[in-house]
Amino acid sequence: MTEIAPTRVLVNLAARGALAGLQSLRASGCTATFWGCVAVPGADRGLALGTIEGSRCPLDPDTIVTTLGGHVGRGTRVLTAGTDVDALMSLRQALARLGASVSMAWDGKQAADLLAVVQPEVVVVDLGLTRRDGYLIAARLSCLETVPHAVLVECADDPAEAFAATLADPSLTAYAKPLDRLLVELSLRQEPEPAHQRRPKIRAVGLTRK
C-alpha cells in the first residue's frame, strides 16, 4: 500500500480480516477512499456497496464524528442502527449540532423500514445487533437507489462469515451482480460530494397541476 499509494481501495467485507485491515490502514495514515463489496469464493455474483469506514466497538460518538469528516453537514440525512442507547443518543446530538437530520433504529426491522423511507446519505451500523441484523442492514444498502456512505462498527468476532451469509438472503438476490460487472462499477463510481457542496433536495407533497 505504501509503494502503490492508491486513491481507491475495494474492500471485500466477506474476506477474513478485511474490516480490521481497513481500520489498520486508516490508522497508519492511508488516505484512500474505501469502497465496500460482499463476495465469496466460488460464487459468481456479489453485492456492491458504497464508500465505507470501520470503527471498533464500543461505539464512540467522538470517533464516529471524526471518521465521518466531510460526509456530514447541514441537511445530511443520517440513519443509525444499534442498541447502545447512551452512545447513539450522544452521537445524534453531536451530528445534530452539525446540522444533520438523524433517524435512529434499534433493531433490524426498524432499520429496514427507515432505509426505504429516509433514503439516508450516511448510515452508522453497529454490527453487533442481535441475530446478525447489523450485517444484513449493511448489505441492504446495495438495494438503495443511491448507496449511502457507511460506518461499520465492528463487534468482537471477525465479520467475514456473517457478511458472506447475507448473500443467501432472498431479499438481496435481485441486487447481486456478476463479479466482473461489480468490480468495474465500483472502480468507476464517483466519490460522494462533500456535504457542504451538496444541493438540498426539496420534496413537494400534495401539489396538483391545474
N, C-alpha and C. Protein backbone atom coordinates (compact mmCIF):
# COMPACT_ATOMS: atom_id res chain seq x y z
N MET A 1 0.82 -1.20 0.00
CA MET A 1 0.00 0.00 0.00
C MET A 1 0.86 1.26 0.00
N THR A 2 1.97 1.22 0.74
CA THR A 2 2.85 2.39 0.79
C THR A 2 3.47 2.66 -0.57
N GLU A 3 3.87 1.61 -1.27
CA GLU A 3 4.51 1.77 -2.57
C GLU A 3 3.51 2.21 -3.64
N ILE A 4 2.33 1.60 -3.63
CA ILE A 4 1.35 1.89 -4.66
C ILE A 4 0.66 3.23 -4.41
N ALA A 5 0.39 3.55 -3.14
CA ALA A 5 -0.31 4.77 -2.76
C ALA A 5 -1.60 4.95 -3.55
N PRO A 6 -2.53 3.98 -3.46
CA PRO A 6 -3.77 4.07 -4.24
C PRO A 6 -4.68 5.17 -3.73
N THR A 7 -5.55 5.68 -4.60
CA THR A 7 -6.55 6.65 -4.18
C THR A 7 -7.88 5.96 -3.90
N ARG A 8 -8.02 4.71 -4.35
CA ARG A 8 -9.26 3.95 -4.17
C ARG A 8 -8.91 2.51 -3.83
N VAL A 9 -9.56 1.96 -2.80
CA VAL A 9 -9.33 0.58 -2.39
C VAL A 9 -10.68 -0.13 -2.33
N LEU A 10 -10.80 -1.27 -3.01
CA LEU A 10 -12.01 -2.07 -2.95
C LEU A 10 -11.87 -3.09 -1.83
N VAL A 11 -12.82 -3.11 -0.91
CA VAL A 11 -12.74 -3.95 0.28
C VAL A 11 -13.86 -4.98 0.25
N ASN A 12 -13.47 -6.26 0.18
CA ASN A 12 -14.46 -7.34 0.23
C ASN A 12 -14.72 -7.68 1.69
N LEU A 13 -15.87 -7.30 2.19
CA LEU A 13 -16.18 -7.48 3.60
C LEU A 13 -16.37 -8.94 3.98
N ALA A 14 -16.50 -9.82 3.00
CA ALA A 14 -16.61 -11.26 3.28
C ALA A 14 -15.25 -11.94 3.34
N ALA A 15 -14.17 -11.18 3.20
CA ALA A 15 -12.82 -11.72 3.32
C ALA A 15 -12.36 -11.59 4.77
N ARG A 16 -11.78 -12.63 5.30
CA ARG A 16 -11.38 -12.63 6.70
C ARG A 16 -10.38 -11.50 6.98
N GLY A 17 -10.68 -10.73 8.02
CA GLY A 17 -9.80 -9.66 8.44
C GLY A 17 -9.91 -8.38 7.63
N ALA A 18 -10.85 -8.33 6.68
CA ALA A 18 -10.93 -7.16 5.79
C ALA A 18 -11.26 -5.88 6.54
N LEU A 19 -12.27 -5.92 7.41
CA LEU A 19 -12.67 -4.71 8.10
C LEU A 19 -11.60 -4.24 9.08
N ALA A 20 -10.96 -5.18 9.76
CA ALA A 20 -9.86 -4.82 10.66
C ALA A 20 -8.69 -4.25 9.87
N GLY A 21 -8.44 -4.83 8.68
CA GLY A 21 -7.37 -4.31 7.84
C GLY A 21 -7.64 -2.90 7.38
N LEU A 22 -8.88 -2.62 7.05
CA LEU A 22 -9.27 -1.26 6.65
C LEU A 22 -8.94 -0.28 7.77
N GLN A 23 -9.30 -0.64 8.99
CA GLN A 23 -9.05 0.25 10.12
C GLN A 23 -7.54 0.43 10.36
N SER A 24 -6.78 -0.62 10.18
CA SER A 24 -5.33 -0.53 10.35
C SER A 24 -4.71 0.38 9.30
N LEU A 25 -5.18 0.27 8.07
CA LEU A 25 -4.68 1.15 7.01
C LEU A 25 -4.99 2.60 7.32
N ARG A 26 -6.19 2.86 7.78
CA ARG A 26 -6.55 4.24 8.11
C ARG A 26 -5.70 4.76 9.26
N ALA A 27 -5.46 3.91 10.26
CA ALA A 27 -4.65 4.32 11.42
C ALA A 27 -3.20 4.59 11.02
N SER A 28 -2.73 3.92 9.95
CA SER A 28 -1.34 4.11 9.51
C SER A 28 -1.18 5.35 8.63
N GLY A 29 -2.29 6.05 8.35
CA GLY A 29 -2.21 7.27 7.57
C GLY A 29 -2.70 7.16 6.14
N CYS A 30 -3.25 6.01 5.76
CA CYS A 30 -3.77 5.83 4.41
C CYS A 30 -4.95 6.77 4.18
N THR A 31 -4.93 7.52 3.09
CA THR A 31 -5.99 8.48 2.80
C THR A 31 -6.88 8.04 1.63
N ALA A 32 -6.72 6.81 1.18
CA ALA A 32 -7.52 6.31 0.06
C ALA A 32 -8.99 6.24 0.45
N THR A 33 -9.85 6.27 -0.56
CA THR A 33 -11.28 6.04 -0.35
C THR A 33 -11.54 4.54 -0.38
N PHE A 34 -12.24 4.02 0.62
CA PHE A 34 -12.56 2.60 0.70
C PHE A 34 -13.97 2.37 0.16
N TRP A 35 -14.09 1.45 -0.80
CA TRP A 35 -15.38 1.07 -1.37
C TRP A 35 -15.66 -0.38 -0.99
N GLY A 36 -16.85 -0.65 -0.47
CA GLY A 36 -17.16 -1.97 0.04
C GLY A 36 -17.91 -2.85 -0.95
N CYS A 37 -17.73 -4.14 -0.81
CA CYS A 37 -18.49 -5.13 -1.57
C CYS A 37 -18.56 -6.40 -0.74
N VAL A 38 -19.45 -7.32 -1.14
CA VAL A 38 -19.56 -8.62 -0.48
C VAL A 38 -19.51 -9.69 -1.56
N ALA A 39 -18.50 -10.52 -1.51
CA ALA A 39 -18.33 -11.60 -2.49
C ALA A 39 -17.63 -12.76 -1.80
N VAL A 40 -17.94 -13.99 -2.23
CA VAL A 40 -17.33 -15.17 -1.62
C VAL A 40 -16.71 -16.04 -2.71
N PRO A 41 -15.64 -16.79 -2.37
CA PRO A 41 -15.01 -17.68 -3.35
C PRO A 41 -16.01 -18.71 -3.88
N GLY A 42 -15.96 -18.93 -5.18
CA GLY A 42 -16.84 -19.91 -5.79
C GLY A 42 -18.16 -19.36 -6.25
N ALA A 43 -18.54 -18.18 -5.78
CA ALA A 43 -19.79 -17.56 -6.23
C ALA A 43 -19.48 -16.62 -7.38
N ASP A 44 -20.41 -16.52 -8.31
CA ASP A 44 -20.16 -15.68 -9.48
C ASP A 44 -20.83 -14.32 -9.37
N ARG A 45 -21.45 -14.04 -8.22
CA ARG A 45 -22.14 -12.77 -8.05
C ARG A 45 -21.83 -12.20 -6.67
N GLY A 46 -21.97 -10.88 -6.55
CA GLY A 46 -21.71 -10.23 -5.27
C GLY A 46 -22.51 -8.94 -5.16
N LEU A 47 -22.40 -8.28 -4.02
CA LEU A 47 -23.11 -7.05 -3.75
C LEU A 47 -22.16 -5.87 -3.75
N ALA A 48 -22.54 -4.81 -4.42
CA ALA A 48 -21.73 -3.59 -4.45
C ALA A 48 -22.28 -2.59 -3.45
N LEU A 49 -21.47 -2.19 -2.49
CA LEU A 49 -21.85 -1.16 -1.52
C LEU A 49 -21.28 0.18 -1.96
N GLY A 50 -21.29 1.14 -1.07
CA GLY A 50 -20.71 2.43 -1.38
C GLY A 50 -19.41 2.62 -0.63
N THR A 51 -19.08 3.86 -0.33
CA THR A 51 -17.88 4.14 0.45
C THR A 51 -18.12 3.70 1.89
N ILE A 52 -17.09 3.17 2.51
CA ILE A 52 -17.23 2.64 3.87
C ILE A 52 -16.05 3.07 4.74
N GLU A 53 -16.29 3.06 6.03
CA GLU A 53 -15.26 3.21 7.04
C GLU A 53 -15.56 2.21 8.14
N GLY A 54 -14.54 1.87 8.92
CA GLY A 54 -14.73 0.96 10.03
C GLY A 54 -14.48 1.66 11.36
N SER A 55 -15.09 1.15 12.41
CA SER A 55 -14.88 1.67 13.75
C SER A 55 -14.97 0.51 14.72
N ARG A 56 -14.23 0.58 15.80
CA ARG A 56 -14.21 -0.52 16.76
C ARG A 56 -15.26 -0.33 17.84
N CYS A 57 -15.73 -1.44 18.38
CA CYS A 57 -16.68 -1.47 19.48
C CYS A 57 -15.93 -1.25 20.80
N PRO A 58 -16.52 -0.56 21.78
CA PRO A 58 -17.86 0.02 21.77
C PRO A 58 -17.93 1.29 20.94
N LEU A 59 -19.11 1.60 20.48
CA LEU A 59 -19.32 2.77 19.63
C LEU A 59 -18.95 4.03 20.40
N ASP A 60 -18.07 4.82 19.82
CA ASP A 60 -17.62 6.06 20.44
C ASP A 60 -18.08 7.24 19.59
N PRO A 61 -18.99 8.07 20.10
CA PRO A 61 -19.54 9.17 19.30
C PRO A 61 -18.49 10.11 18.72
N ASP A 62 -17.49 10.48 19.52
CA ASP A 62 -16.47 11.41 19.04
C ASP A 62 -15.67 10.80 17.89
N THR A 63 -15.34 9.52 18.02
CA THR A 63 -14.59 8.84 16.96
C THR A 63 -15.42 8.77 15.68
N ILE A 64 -16.71 8.47 15.81
CA ILE A 64 -17.59 8.38 14.64
C ILE A 64 -17.68 9.73 13.94
N VAL A 65 -17.87 10.79 14.68
CA VAL A 65 -17.96 12.13 14.08
C VAL A 65 -16.68 12.46 13.34
N THR A 66 -15.54 12.15 13.93
CA THR A 66 -14.26 12.40 13.26
C THR A 66 -14.13 11.56 12.01
N THR A 67 -14.55 10.31 12.10
CA THR A 67 -14.48 9.41 10.95
C THR A 67 -15.35 9.90 9.79
N LEU A 68 -16.51 10.45 10.12
CA LEU A 68 -17.43 10.91 9.08
C LEU A 68 -16.88 12.12 8.33
N GLY A 69 -16.13 12.96 9.01
CA GLY A 69 -15.48 14.09 8.35
C GLY A 69 -16.45 14.92 7.53
N GLY A 70 -16.11 15.12 6.23
CA GLY A 70 -16.90 15.96 5.36
C GLY A 70 -18.16 15.32 4.83
N HIS A 71 -18.49 14.10 5.28
CA HIS A 71 -19.70 13.44 4.79
C HIS A 71 -20.97 14.00 5.44
N VAL A 72 -20.82 14.72 6.54
CA VAL A 72 -21.98 15.22 7.26
C VAL A 72 -21.94 16.74 7.35
N GLY A 73 -23.08 17.36 7.06
CA GLY A 73 -23.22 18.80 7.15
C GLY A 73 -24.68 19.15 7.31
N ARG A 74 -25.02 20.40 7.09
CA ARG A 74 -26.39 20.85 7.26
C ARG A 74 -27.31 20.13 6.28
N GLY A 75 -28.35 19.49 6.82
CA GLY A 75 -29.34 18.82 5.99
C GLY A 75 -29.01 17.38 5.63
N THR A 76 -27.84 16.88 6.01
CA THR A 76 -27.48 15.49 5.69
C THR A 76 -28.40 14.52 6.41
N ARG A 77 -28.93 13.57 5.67
CA ARG A 77 -29.82 12.56 6.25
C ARG A 77 -28.96 11.39 6.77
N VAL A 78 -29.03 11.14 8.06
CA VAL A 78 -28.23 10.10 8.70
C VAL A 78 -29.15 9.08 9.36
N LEU A 79 -28.82 7.82 9.21
CA LEU A 79 -29.52 6.74 9.91
C LEU A 79 -28.53 5.99 10.78
N THR A 80 -28.87 5.81 12.06
CA THR A 80 -28.04 5.00 12.94
C THR A 80 -28.83 3.75 13.33
N ALA A 81 -28.13 2.64 13.50
CA ALA A 81 -28.76 1.38 13.89
C ALA A 81 -27.89 0.70 14.93
N GLY A 82 -28.44 0.45 16.10
CA GLY A 82 -27.69 -0.18 17.17
C GLY A 82 -28.51 -0.22 18.44
N THR A 83 -27.96 -0.80 19.50
CA THR A 83 -28.69 -0.94 20.75
C THR A 83 -28.05 -0.18 21.91
N ASP A 84 -26.91 0.45 21.68
CA ASP A 84 -26.25 1.23 22.73
C ASP A 84 -26.92 2.60 22.81
N VAL A 85 -27.97 2.69 23.63
CA VAL A 85 -28.81 3.88 23.66
C VAL A 85 -28.01 5.13 24.01
N ASP A 86 -27.21 5.07 25.06
CA ASP A 86 -26.48 6.26 25.51
C ASP A 86 -25.52 6.76 24.43
N ALA A 87 -24.75 5.84 23.84
CA ALA A 87 -23.77 6.24 22.83
C ALA A 87 -24.46 6.79 21.59
N LEU A 88 -25.55 6.16 21.16
CA LEU A 88 -26.23 6.60 19.94
C LEU A 88 -26.97 7.92 20.16
N MET A 89 -27.51 8.16 21.36
CA MET A 89 -28.12 9.45 21.65
C MET A 89 -27.07 10.56 21.66
N SER A 90 -25.90 10.25 22.21
CA SER A 90 -24.81 11.24 22.19
C SER A 90 -24.36 11.52 20.76
N LEU A 91 -24.31 10.47 19.93
CA LEU A 91 -23.93 10.64 18.53
C LEU A 91 -24.97 11.49 17.82
N ARG A 92 -26.24 11.23 18.09
CA ARG A 92 -27.30 12.03 17.46
C ARG A 92 -27.15 13.51 17.81
N GLN A 93 -26.88 13.81 19.06
CA GLN A 93 -26.72 15.20 19.48
C GLN A 93 -25.53 15.85 18.78
N ALA A 94 -24.44 15.10 18.67
CA ALA A 94 -23.24 15.65 18.02
C ALA A 94 -23.50 15.92 16.54
N LEU A 95 -24.20 15.00 15.87
CA LEU A 95 -24.49 15.17 14.44
C LEU A 95 -25.51 16.29 14.23
N ALA A 96 -26.47 16.42 15.16
CA ALA A 96 -27.46 17.49 15.05
C ALA A 96 -26.79 18.85 15.15
N ARG A 97 -25.74 18.95 15.95
CA ARG A 97 -25.02 20.23 16.05
C ARG A 97 -24.35 20.60 14.74
N LEU A 98 -24.08 19.59 13.90
CA LEU A 98 -23.50 19.84 12.58
C LEU A 98 -24.58 20.13 11.54
N GLY A 99 -25.85 20.06 11.97
CA GLY A 99 -26.94 20.35 11.06
C GLY A 99 -27.57 19.12 10.42
N ALA A 100 -27.15 17.93 10.81
CA ALA A 100 -27.67 16.70 10.20
C ALA A 100 -29.05 16.36 10.75
N SER A 101 -29.83 15.66 9.95
CA SER A 101 -31.12 15.11 10.36
C SER A 101 -30.92 13.63 10.64
N VAL A 102 -31.08 13.22 11.90
CA VAL A 102 -30.71 11.87 12.32
C VAL A 102 -31.95 11.04 12.66
N SER A 103 -32.07 9.89 12.01
CA SER A 103 -33.11 8.91 12.34
C SER A 103 -32.42 7.73 13.03
N MET A 104 -33.11 7.13 14.01
CA MET A 104 -32.50 6.08 14.81
C MET A 104 -33.32 4.80 14.75
N ALA A 105 -32.64 3.68 14.60
CA ALA A 105 -33.28 2.36 14.60
C ALA A 105 -32.62 1.51 15.68
N TRP A 106 -33.45 0.71 16.37
CA TRP A 106 -32.92 -0.09 17.48
C TRP A 106 -32.90 -1.58 17.15
N ASP A 107 -33.41 -1.95 15.98
CA ASP A 107 -33.36 -3.35 15.56
C ASP A 107 -33.40 -3.40 14.03
N GLY A 108 -33.29 -4.62 13.50
CA GLY A 108 -33.21 -4.78 12.05
C GLY A 108 -34.46 -4.34 11.32
N LYS A 109 -35.64 -4.62 11.88
CA LYS A 109 -36.88 -4.25 11.21
C LYS A 109 -37.02 -2.74 11.11
N GLN A 110 -36.77 -2.05 12.21
CA GLN A 110 -36.84 -0.59 12.18
C GLN A 110 -35.86 -0.02 11.16
N ALA A 111 -34.67 -0.57 11.13
CA ALA A 111 -33.65 -0.08 10.20
C ALA A 111 -34.08 -0.28 8.75
N ALA A 112 -34.63 -1.47 8.44
CA ALA A 112 -35.08 -1.75 7.08
C ALA A 112 -36.18 -0.79 6.66
N ASP A 113 -37.12 -0.53 7.57
CA ASP A 113 -38.21 0.40 7.26
C ASP A 113 -37.68 1.82 7.03
N LEU A 114 -36.76 2.25 7.87
CA LEU A 114 -36.23 3.61 7.75
C LEU A 114 -35.35 3.79 6.52
N LEU A 115 -34.64 2.74 6.12
CA LEU A 115 -33.83 2.83 4.91
C LEU A 115 -34.69 3.22 3.72
N ALA A 116 -35.86 2.60 3.61
CA ALA A 116 -36.75 2.86 2.48
C ALA A 116 -37.36 4.25 2.56
N VAL A 117 -37.69 4.70 3.77
CA VAL A 117 -38.39 5.97 3.93
C VAL A 117 -37.42 7.16 3.89
N VAL A 118 -36.33 7.05 4.64
CA VAL A 118 -35.40 8.17 4.81
C VAL A 118 -34.47 8.33 3.61
N GLN A 119 -34.10 7.20 2.96
CA GLN A 119 -33.09 7.24 1.90
C GLN A 119 -31.85 8.00 2.39
N PRO A 120 -31.20 7.48 3.44
CA PRO A 120 -30.11 8.23 4.08
C PRO A 120 -28.89 8.40 3.18
N GLU A 121 -28.15 9.46 3.46
CA GLU A 121 -26.88 9.71 2.77
C GLU A 121 -25.72 9.13 3.55
N VAL A 122 -25.93 8.93 4.85
CA VAL A 122 -24.92 8.35 5.73
C VAL A 122 -25.60 7.36 6.66
N VAL A 123 -24.97 6.20 6.88
CA VAL A 123 -25.51 5.19 7.78
C VAL A 123 -24.41 4.76 8.75
N VAL A 124 -24.76 4.67 10.03
CA VAL A 124 -23.85 4.13 11.05
C VAL A 124 -24.50 2.86 11.59
N VAL A 125 -23.84 1.72 11.41
CA VAL A 125 -24.43 0.43 11.77
C VAL A 125 -23.54 -0.29 12.79
N ASP A 126 -24.14 -0.65 13.91
CA ASP A 126 -23.45 -1.49 14.88
C ASP A 126 -23.64 -2.94 14.45
N LEU A 127 -22.57 -3.59 14.02
CA LEU A 127 -22.66 -4.96 13.53
C LEU A 127 -23.00 -5.97 14.63
N GLY A 128 -22.99 -5.51 15.86
CA GLY A 128 -23.30 -6.40 16.98
C GLY A 128 -24.78 -6.53 17.27
N LEU A 129 -25.64 -6.00 16.41
CA LEU A 129 -27.08 -6.17 16.62
C LEU A 129 -27.44 -7.65 16.71
N THR A 130 -28.51 -7.96 17.44
CA THR A 130 -28.94 -9.36 17.62
C THR A 130 -29.30 -10.00 16.28
N ARG A 131 -29.16 -11.32 16.23
CA ARG A 131 -29.47 -12.14 15.06
C ARG A 131 -28.66 -11.71 13.83
N ARG A 132 -27.54 -11.07 14.08
CA ARG A 132 -26.68 -10.61 12.99
C ARG A 132 -27.40 -9.64 12.04
N ASP A 133 -28.39 -8.93 12.59
CA ASP A 133 -29.14 -7.98 11.77
C ASP A 133 -28.26 -6.86 11.22
N GLY A 134 -27.21 -6.51 11.96
CA GLY A 134 -26.34 -5.43 11.51
C GLY A 134 -25.70 -5.71 10.16
N TYR A 135 -25.33 -6.96 9.94
CA TYR A 135 -24.70 -7.34 8.66
C TYR A 135 -25.71 -7.26 7.52
N LEU A 136 -26.94 -7.67 7.79
CA LEU A 136 -27.97 -7.62 6.75
C LEU A 136 -28.32 -6.18 6.42
N ILE A 137 -28.37 -5.32 7.44
CA ILE A 137 -28.63 -3.90 7.19
C ILE A 137 -27.56 -3.32 6.28
N ALA A 138 -26.29 -3.62 6.59
CA ALA A 138 -25.19 -3.11 5.77
C ALA A 138 -25.30 -3.62 4.34
N ALA A 139 -25.63 -4.91 4.19
CA ALA A 139 -25.74 -5.48 2.84
C ALA A 139 -26.90 -4.86 2.08
N ARG A 140 -27.97 -4.52 2.78
CA ARG A 140 -29.14 -3.95 2.11
C ARG A 140 -28.91 -2.53 1.59
N LEU A 141 -27.83 -1.92 1.97
CA LEU A 141 -27.51 -0.61 1.41
C LEU A 141 -27.34 -0.71 -0.10
N SER A 142 -26.96 -1.89 -0.58
CA SER A 142 -26.78 -2.10 -2.02
C SER A 142 -28.09 -2.00 -2.78
N CYS A 143 -29.23 -2.08 -2.07
CA CYS A 143 -30.54 -2.04 -2.71
C CYS A 143 -31.04 -0.62 -2.94
N LEU A 144 -30.42 0.36 -2.31
CA LEU A 144 -30.91 1.73 -2.41
C LEU A 144 -30.50 2.35 -3.73
N GLU A 145 -31.32 3.29 -4.19
CA GLU A 145 -31.04 3.95 -5.46
C GLU A 145 -29.69 4.67 -5.43
N THR A 146 -29.44 5.37 -4.34
CA THR A 146 -28.13 5.98 -4.10
C THR A 146 -27.55 5.34 -2.85
N VAL A 147 -26.48 4.59 -2.99
CA VAL A 147 -25.91 3.87 -1.85
C VAL A 147 -25.22 4.85 -0.92
N PRO A 148 -25.61 4.87 0.36
CA PRO A 148 -25.03 5.85 1.29
C PRO A 148 -23.62 5.48 1.75
N HIS A 149 -22.93 6.48 2.28
CA HIS A 149 -21.65 6.24 2.95
C HIS A 149 -21.95 5.52 4.26
N ALA A 150 -21.17 4.51 4.60
CA ALA A 150 -21.45 3.70 5.79
C ALA A 150 -20.26 3.63 6.73
N VAL A 151 -20.55 3.76 8.01
CA VAL A 151 -19.56 3.48 9.06
C VAL A 151 -20.01 2.20 9.74
N LEU A 152 -19.17 1.17 9.70
CA LEU A 152 -19.50 -0.14 10.25
C LEU A 152 -18.74 -0.32 11.56
N VAL A 153 -19.50 -0.47 12.64
CA VAL A 153 -18.89 -0.64 13.97
C VAL A 153 -18.69 -2.12 14.21
N GLU A 154 -17.43 -2.53 14.23
CA GLU A 154 -17.08 -3.96 14.31
C GLU A 154 -17.27 -4.50 15.71
N CYS A 155 -17.92 -5.66 15.82
CA CYS A 155 -18.08 -6.32 17.11
C CYS A 155 -16.88 -7.24 17.35
N ALA A 156 -16.97 -8.09 18.35
CA ALA A 156 -15.80 -8.88 18.76
C ALA A 156 -15.35 -9.88 17.70
N ASP A 157 -16.29 -10.54 17.04
CA ASP A 157 -15.94 -11.59 16.09
C ASP A 157 -15.57 -11.00 14.73
N ASP A 158 -14.76 -11.77 13.98
CA ASP A 158 -14.46 -11.36 12.61
C ASP A 158 -15.75 -11.41 11.80
N PRO A 159 -16.12 -10.32 11.11
CA PRO A 159 -17.42 -10.26 10.44
C PRO A 159 -17.48 -10.98 9.10
N ALA A 160 -16.40 -11.57 8.63
CA ALA A 160 -16.36 -12.13 7.28
C ALA A 160 -17.47 -13.16 7.06
N GLU A 161 -17.60 -14.14 7.97
CA GLU A 161 -18.59 -15.20 7.80
C GLU A 161 -20.01 -14.64 7.77
N ALA A 162 -20.28 -13.68 8.65
CA ALA A 162 -21.63 -13.12 8.71
C ALA A 162 -21.96 -12.33 7.45
N PHE A 163 -20.99 -11.59 6.91
CA PHE A 163 -21.23 -10.87 5.67
C PHE A 163 -21.45 -11.85 4.52
N ALA A 164 -20.67 -12.93 4.47
CA ALA A 164 -20.83 -13.92 3.41
C ALA A 164 -22.23 -14.53 3.45
N ALA A 165 -22.76 -14.73 4.64
CA ALA A 165 -24.08 -15.34 4.78
C ALA A 165 -25.18 -14.46 4.22
N THR A 166 -24.97 -13.15 4.16
CA THR A 166 -26.02 -12.26 3.66
C THR A 166 -26.32 -12.52 2.18
N LEU A 167 -25.38 -13.09 1.44
CA LEU A 167 -25.61 -13.33 0.02
C LEU A 167 -26.72 -14.36 -0.21
N ALA A 168 -27.03 -15.15 0.81
CA ALA A 168 -28.09 -16.15 0.67
C ALA A 168 -29.46 -15.60 1.02
N ASP A 169 -29.52 -14.35 1.48
CA ASP A 169 -30.82 -13.78 1.86
C ASP A 169 -31.65 -13.50 0.61
N PRO A 170 -32.88 -14.00 0.55
CA PRO A 170 -33.71 -13.83 -0.65
C PRO A 170 -33.95 -12.37 -1.03
N SER A 171 -33.99 -11.48 -0.05
CA SER A 171 -34.28 -10.07 -0.34
C SER A 171 -33.14 -9.40 -1.11
N LEU A 172 -31.98 -10.03 -1.17
CA LEU A 172 -30.83 -9.43 -1.83
C LEU A 172 -30.50 -10.06 -3.18
N THR A 173 -31.19 -11.14 -3.50
CA THR A 173 -30.87 -11.89 -4.72
C THR A 173 -30.89 -11.02 -5.97
N ALA A 174 -31.90 -10.19 -6.08
CA ALA A 174 -32.06 -9.38 -7.29
C ALA A 174 -30.99 -8.30 -7.42
N TYR A 175 -30.28 -8.01 -6.33
CA TYR A 175 -29.30 -6.93 -6.34
C TYR A 175 -27.86 -7.43 -6.49
N ALA A 176 -27.68 -8.75 -6.45
CA ALA A 176 -26.34 -9.30 -6.66
C ALA A 176 -25.96 -9.18 -8.13
N LYS A 177 -24.69 -8.87 -8.39
CA LYS A 177 -24.23 -8.64 -9.75
C LYS A 177 -23.06 -9.56 -10.07
N PRO A 178 -22.87 -9.89 -11.36
CA PRO A 178 -21.68 -10.66 -11.74
C PRO A 178 -20.42 -9.95 -11.26
N LEU A 179 -19.45 -10.72 -10.83
CA LEU A 179 -18.27 -10.13 -10.19
C LEU A 179 -17.51 -9.18 -11.11
N ASP A 180 -17.42 -9.51 -12.40
CA ASP A 180 -16.69 -8.62 -13.30
C ASP A 180 -17.41 -7.28 -13.42
N ARG A 181 -18.73 -7.32 -13.48
CA ARG A 181 -19.51 -6.09 -13.55
C ARG A 181 -19.39 -5.30 -12.26
N LEU A 182 -19.40 -6.03 -11.12
CA LEU A 182 -19.29 -5.38 -9.81
C LEU A 182 -17.98 -4.62 -9.69
N LEU A 183 -16.88 -5.24 -10.10
CA LEU A 183 -15.57 -4.61 -9.99
C LEU A 183 -15.48 -3.37 -10.88
N VAL A 184 -16.00 -3.47 -12.09
CA VAL A 184 -15.96 -2.31 -12.99
C VAL A 184 -16.80 -1.17 -12.42
N GLU A 185 -17.98 -1.52 -11.91
CA GLU A 185 -18.88 -0.49 -11.38
C GLU A 185 -18.25 0.24 -10.21
N LEU A 186 -17.66 -0.51 -9.27
CA LEU A 186 -17.04 0.13 -8.11
C LEU A 186 -15.80 0.93 -8.49
N SER A 187 -15.13 0.53 -9.54
CA SER A 187 -13.95 1.25 -9.99
C SER A 187 -14.30 2.58 -10.64
N LEU A 188 -15.52 2.66 -11.20
CA LEU A 188 -15.91 3.85 -11.96
C LEU A 188 -16.84 4.79 -11.20
N ARG A 189 -17.38 4.34 -10.09
CA ARG A 189 -18.30 5.21 -9.35
C ARG A 189 -17.61 6.48 -8.87
N GLN A 190 -18.35 7.57 -8.94
CA GLN A 190 -17.82 8.83 -8.45
C GLN A 190 -17.90 8.88 -6.93
N GLU A 191 -16.93 9.53 -6.33
CA GLU A 191 -16.93 9.66 -4.89
C GLU A 191 -18.04 10.62 -4.46
N PRO A 192 -18.62 10.41 -3.28
CA PRO A 192 -19.68 11.30 -2.80
C PRO A 192 -19.16 12.73 -2.66
N GLU A 193 -20.02 13.68 -3.00
CA GLU A 193 -19.64 15.08 -2.82
C GLU A 193 -19.54 15.40 -1.34
N PRO A 194 -18.62 16.27 -0.95
CA PRO A 194 -18.60 16.74 0.44
C PRO A 194 -19.93 17.35 0.80
N ALA A 195 -20.33 17.20 2.04
CA ALA A 195 -21.66 17.65 2.47
C ALA A 195 -21.92 19.11 2.15
N HIS A 196 -20.90 19.96 2.26
CA HIS A 196 -21.13 21.40 2.05
C HIS A 196 -21.33 21.75 0.59
N GLN A 197 -21.06 20.80 -0.32
CA GLN A 197 -21.24 21.06 -1.74
C GLN A 197 -22.54 20.49 -2.29
N ARG A 198 -23.26 19.71 -1.49
CA ARG A 198 -24.48 19.09 -1.97
C ARG A 198 -25.62 20.10 -2.01
N ARG A 199 -26.43 19.99 -3.04
CA ARG A 199 -27.62 20.82 -3.13
C ARG A 199 -28.76 20.16 -2.36
N PRO A 200 -29.45 20.92 -1.53
CA PRO A 200 -30.56 20.31 -0.78
C PRO A 200 -31.67 19.85 -1.70
N LYS A 201 -32.27 18.69 -1.38
CA LYS A 201 -33.37 18.17 -2.18
C LYS A 201 -34.70 18.61 -1.56
N ILE A 202 -35.60 19.10 -2.41
CA ILE A 202 -36.89 19.59 -1.95
C ILE A 202 -37.97 18.65 -2.47
N ARG A 203 -38.82 18.18 -1.57
CA ARG A 203 -39.92 17.31 -1.96
C ARG A 203 -41.23 18.09 -1.88
N ALA A 204 -42.00 18.06 -2.95
CA ALA A 204 -43.31 18.72 -2.98
C ALA A 204 -44.38 17.67 -2.76
N VAL A 205 -45.20 17.87 -1.75
CA VAL A 205 -46.24 16.90 -1.40
C VAL A 205 -47.60 17.58 -1.47
N GLY A 206 -48.55 16.92 -2.12
CA GLY A 206 -49.91 17.43 -2.14
C GLY A 206 -50.18 18.50 -3.17
N LEU A 207 -49.26 18.69 -4.14
CA LEU A 207 -49.48 19.68 -5.18
C LEU A 207 -50.16 19.03 -6.36
N THR A 208 -51.10 19.73 -6.95
CA THR A 208 -51.79 19.22 -8.14
C THR A 208 -51.66 20.23 -9.26
N ARG A 209 -51.62 19.72 -10.47
CA ARG A 209 -51.47 20.59 -11.63
C ARG A 209 -52.86 20.99 -12.11
N LYS A 210 -53.06 22.27 -12.37
CA LYS A 210 -54.34 22.78 -12.86
C LYS A 210 -54.17 23.31 -14.29
